[in-house]
Amino acid sequence: MGDTTIKKLDTAHSPKEGSEKFLVSGTHVSMRMWENEPPTKNKPEVSRPYETVGYVLKGKAELHSEGQVVTLKAGDAYLVPKNAKHTYKILETFTAIEATSPPSQVHGREE
């Protein structure tokens, strides 16, 4: 039989780095929240060795990736493919939930 352990976490105690809060992590996927991230100019462009899916809870941002620009607002879901060069420009105070596979923490993710 495989691992049958259920994890339940009180996210009030989740580790944070700036406006990024690490919610829960498993063997194959992790979830985090970008909470009340203030408007900014474009962040540095990055490429990550994992796939990211997200859902916007509030605010507005532009996702720039591989020559494409997509506006994200509350209720939108998005996907950033593995190894795609991308950056975000936060237009209005932004909160989103993201899941990464494999877990982003495994790859020593930087800011």
C-alpha atoms as a PDB file:
ATOM      1  CA  MET A   1       0.000   0.000   0.000  1.00  0.00           C
ATOM      2  CA  GLY A   2       1.254   3.523  -0.788  1.00  0.00           C
ATOM      3  CA  ASP A   3       1.547   6.473   1.556  1.00  0.00           C
ATOM      4  CA  THR A   4      -1.863   7.128   3.104  1.00  0.00           C
ATOM      5  CA  THR A   5      -0.836  10.038   5.339  1.00  0.00           C
ATOM      6  CA  ILE A   6      -3.058  13.102   5.068  1.00  0.00           C
ATOM      7  CA  LYS A   7      -1.458  16.477   5.811  1.00  0.00           C
ATOM      8  CA  LYS A   8      -3.474  19.280   7.354  1.00  0.00           C
ATOM      9  CA  LEU A   9      -1.667  22.517   8.101  1.00  0.00           C
ATOM     10  CA  ASP A  10      -2.670  25.671   9.919  1.00  0.00           C
ATOM     11  CA  THR A  11      -1.421  28.191   7.347  1.00  0.00           C
ATOM     12  CA  ALA A  12      -1.233  30.913  10.013  1.00  0.00           C
ATOM     13  CA  HIS A  13       2.148  29.304  10.769  1.00  0.00           C
ATOM     14  CA  SER A  14       3.293  28.721   7.174  1.00  0.00           C
ATOM     15  CA  PRO A  15       6.752  29.995   6.219  1.00  0.00           C
ATOM     16  CA  LYS A  16       6.795  33.273   4.269  1.00  0.00           C
ATOM     17  CA  GLU A  17       9.279  35.028   2.007  1.00  0.00           C
ATOM     18  CA  GLY A  18       8.004  38.542   1.293  1.00  0.00           C
ATOM     19  CA  SER A  19       4.446  38.175  -0.026  1.00  0.00           C
ATOM     20  CA  GLU A  20       4.977  34.478  -0.858  1.00  0.00           C
ATOM     21  CA  LYS A  21       3.522  32.007   1.675  1.00  0.00           C
ATOM     22  CA  PHE A  22       4.323  28.276   1.374  1.00  0.00           C
ATOM     23  CA  LEU A  23       1.063  26.455   2.146  1.00  0.00           C
ATOM     24  CA  VAL A  24       1.666  22.715   1.744  1.00  0.00           C
ATOM     25  CA  SER A  25       4.050  20.422  -0.090  1.00  0.00           C
ATOM     26  CA  GLY A  26       3.846  16.786  -1.090  1.00  0.00           C
ATOM     27  CA  THR A  27       6.128  14.496  -3.026  1.00  0.00           C
ATOM     28  CA  HIS A  28       4.879  15.593  -6.471  1.00  0.00           C
ATOM     29  CA  VAL A  29       3.184  18.963  -5.988  1.00  0.00           C
ATOM     30  CA  SER A  30       3.341  22.020  -3.735  1.00  0.00           C
ATOM     31  CA  MET A  31       0.998  24.938  -3.160  1.00  0.00           C
ATOM     32  CA  ARG A  32       1.781  28.528  -2.233  1.00  0.00           C
ATOM     33  CA  MET A  33       0.004  31.852  -2.057  1.00  0.00           C
ATOM     34  CA  TRP A  34       1.164  35.259  -3.199  1.00  0.00           C
ATOM     35  CA  GLU A  35      -0.710  37.392  -0.674  1.00  0.00           C
ATOM     36  CA  ASN A  36      -1.378  41.137  -1.046  1.00  0.00           C
ATOM     37  CA  GLU A  37       1.600  41.674  -3.336  1.00  0.00           C
ATOM     38  CA  PRO A  38       1.828  45.426  -4.015  1.00  0.00           C
ATOM     39  CA  PRO A  39       1.971  46.922  -7.523  1.00  0.00           C
ATOM     40  CA  THR A  40       5.456  46.721  -9.070  1.00  0.00           C
ATOM     41  CA  LYS A  41       7.267  47.168 -12.318  1.00  0.00           C
ATOM     42  CA  ASN A  42       8.287  43.967 -14.048  1.00  0.00           C
ATOM     43  CA  LYS A  43      10.157  41.596 -11.801  1.00  0.00           C
ATOM     44  CA  PRO A  44      13.310  39.991 -13.209  1.00  0.00           C
ATOM     45  CA  GLU A  45      12.575  37.449 -15.926  1.00  0.00           C
ATOM     46  CA  VAL A  46      13.020  33.871 -14.693  1.00  0.00           C
ATOM     47  CA  SER A  47      12.796  30.324 -15.998  1.00  0.00           C
ATOM     48  CA  ARG A  48      11.868  27.561 -13.541  1.00  0.00           C
ATOM     49  CA  PRO A  49      12.388  23.772 -13.809  1.00  0.00           C
ATOM     50  CA  TYR A  50       8.771  23.115 -12.854  1.00  0.00           C
ATOM     51  CA  GLU A  51       5.251  23.727 -14.173  1.00  0.00           C
ATOM     52  CA  THR A  52       3.077  26.300 -12.364  1.00  0.00           C
ATOM     53  CA  VAL A  53      -0.706  26.592 -12.352  1.00  0.00           C
ATOM     54  CA  GLY A  54      -2.429  29.449 -10.557  1.00  0.00           C
ATOM     55  CA  TYR A  55      -5.736  31.035  -9.657  1.00  0.00           C
ATOM     56  CA  VAL A  56      -6.174  34.766  -8.984  1.00  0.00           C
ATOM     57  CA  LEU A  57      -8.189  35.600  -5.857  1.00  0.00           C
ATOM     58  CA  LYS A  58      -7.929  39.395  -6.115  1.00  0.00           C
ATOM     59  CA  GLY A  59      -6.078  42.160  -7.885  1.00  0.00           C
ATOM     60  CA  LYS A  60      -4.645  42.430 -11.367  1.00  0.00           C
ATOM     61  CA  ALA A  61      -1.304  41.566 -12.983  1.00  0.00           C
ATOM     62  CA  GLU A  62       0.293  41.042 -16.356  1.00  0.00           C
ATOM     63  CA  LEU A  63       2.049  37.751 -17.037  1.00  0.00           C
ATOM     64  CA  HIS A  64       4.779  38.158 -19.667  1.00  0.00           C
ATOM     65  CA  SER A  65       6.091  34.881 -21.107  1.00  0.00           C
ATOM     66  CA  GLU A  66       7.971  34.006 -24.281  1.00  0.00           C
ATOM     67  CA  GLY A  67       6.705  37.076 -26.179  1.00  0.00           C
ATOM     68  CA  GLN A  68       3.110  36.802 -24.900  1.00  0.00           C
ATOM     69  CA  VAL A  69       1.349  39.144 -22.451  1.00  0.00           C
ATOM     70  CA  VAL A  70      -1.727  37.982 -20.558  1.00  0.00           C
ATOM     71  CA  THR A  71      -3.704  40.131 -18.119  1.00  0.00           C
ATOM     72  CA  LEU A  72      -4.713  38.234 -14.983  1.00  0.00           C
ATOM     73  CA  LYS A  73      -7.609  39.341 -12.744  1.00  0.00           C
ATOM     74  CA  ALA A  74      -9.762  37.820  -9.992  1.00  0.00           C
ATOM     75  CA  GLY A  75     -11.322  34.564 -11.193  1.00  0.00           C
ATOM     76  CA  ASP A  76      -8.663  33.846 -13.848  1.00  0.00           C
ATOM     77  CA  ALA A  77      -6.601  30.653 -13.862  1.00  0.00           C
ATOM     78  CA  TYR A  78      -3.212  30.412 -15.581  1.00  0.00           C
ATOM     79  CA  LEU A  79      -0.410  28.029 -16.503  1.00  0.00           C
ATOM     80  CA  VAL A  80       3.304  28.778 -16.823  1.00  0.00           C
ATOM     81  CA  PRO A  81       5.009  25.851 -18.591  1.00  0.00           C
ATOM     82  CA  LYS A  82       8.181  24.276 -17.245  1.00  0.00           C
ATOM     83  CA  ASN A  83      11.304  26.236 -18.318  1.00  0.00           C
ATOM     84  CA  ALA A  84       9.303  29.108 -19.907  1.00  0.00           C
ATOM     85  CA  LYS A  85      10.961  32.501 -19.455  1.00  0.00           C
ATOM     86  CA  HIS A  86       8.467  34.749 -17.664  1.00  0.00           C
ATOM     87  CA  THR A  87       7.877  37.745 -15.407  1.00  0.00           C
ATOM     88  CA  TYR A  88       4.930  39.418 -13.697  1.00  0.00           C
ATOM     89  CA  LYS A  89       3.972  43.084 -13.529  1.00  0.00           C
ATOM     90  CA  ILE A  90       1.599  43.627 -10.592  1.00  0.00           C
ATOM     91  CA  LEU A  91      -0.974  46.285 -11.552  1.00  0.00           C
ATOM     92  CA  GLU A  92      -3.257  46.156  -8.465  1.00  0.00           C
ATOM     93  CA  THR A  93      -2.581  44.573  -5.057  1.00  0.00           C
ATOM     94  CA  PHE A  94      -2.481  40.891  -6.019  1.00  0.00           C
ATOM     95  CA  THR A  95      -3.356  37.618  -4.294  1.00  0.00           C
ATOM     96  CA  ALA A  96      -3.101  34.276  -6.090  1.00  0.00           C
ATOM     97  CA  ILE A  97      -2.781  30.597  -5.212  1.00  0.00           C
ATOM     98  CA  GLU A  98      -0.216  28.597  -7.197  1.00  0.00           C
ATOM     99  CA  ALA A  99       0.631  24.912  -7.409  1.00  0.00           C
ATOM    100  CA  THR A 100       3.931  23.676  -8.802  1.00  0.00           C
ATOM    101  CA  SER A 101       4.922  20.246 -10.028  1.00  0.00           C
ATOM    102  CA  PRO A 102       7.376  19.025  -9.030  1.00  0.00           C
ATOM    103  CA  PRO A 103       7.357  21.021  -5.774  1.00  0.00           C
ATOM    104  CA  SER A 104       9.167  24.351  -6.141  1.00  0.00           C
ATOM    105  CA  GLN A 105      10.964  23.991  -2.802  1.00  0.00           C
ATOM    106  CA  VAL A 106      12.754  20.885  -4.087  1.00  0.00           C
ATOM    107  CA  HIS A 107      14.517  23.065  -6.659  1.00  0.00           C
ATOM    108  CA  GLY A 108      15.819  25.696  -4.226  1.00  0.00           C
ATOM    109  CA  ARG A 109      13.555  28.382  -5.618  1.00  0.00           C
ATOM    110  CA  GLU A 110      14.844  31.923  -5.211  1.00  0.00           C
ATOM    111  CA  GLU A 111      12.809  35.158  -4.889  1.00  0.00           C
END
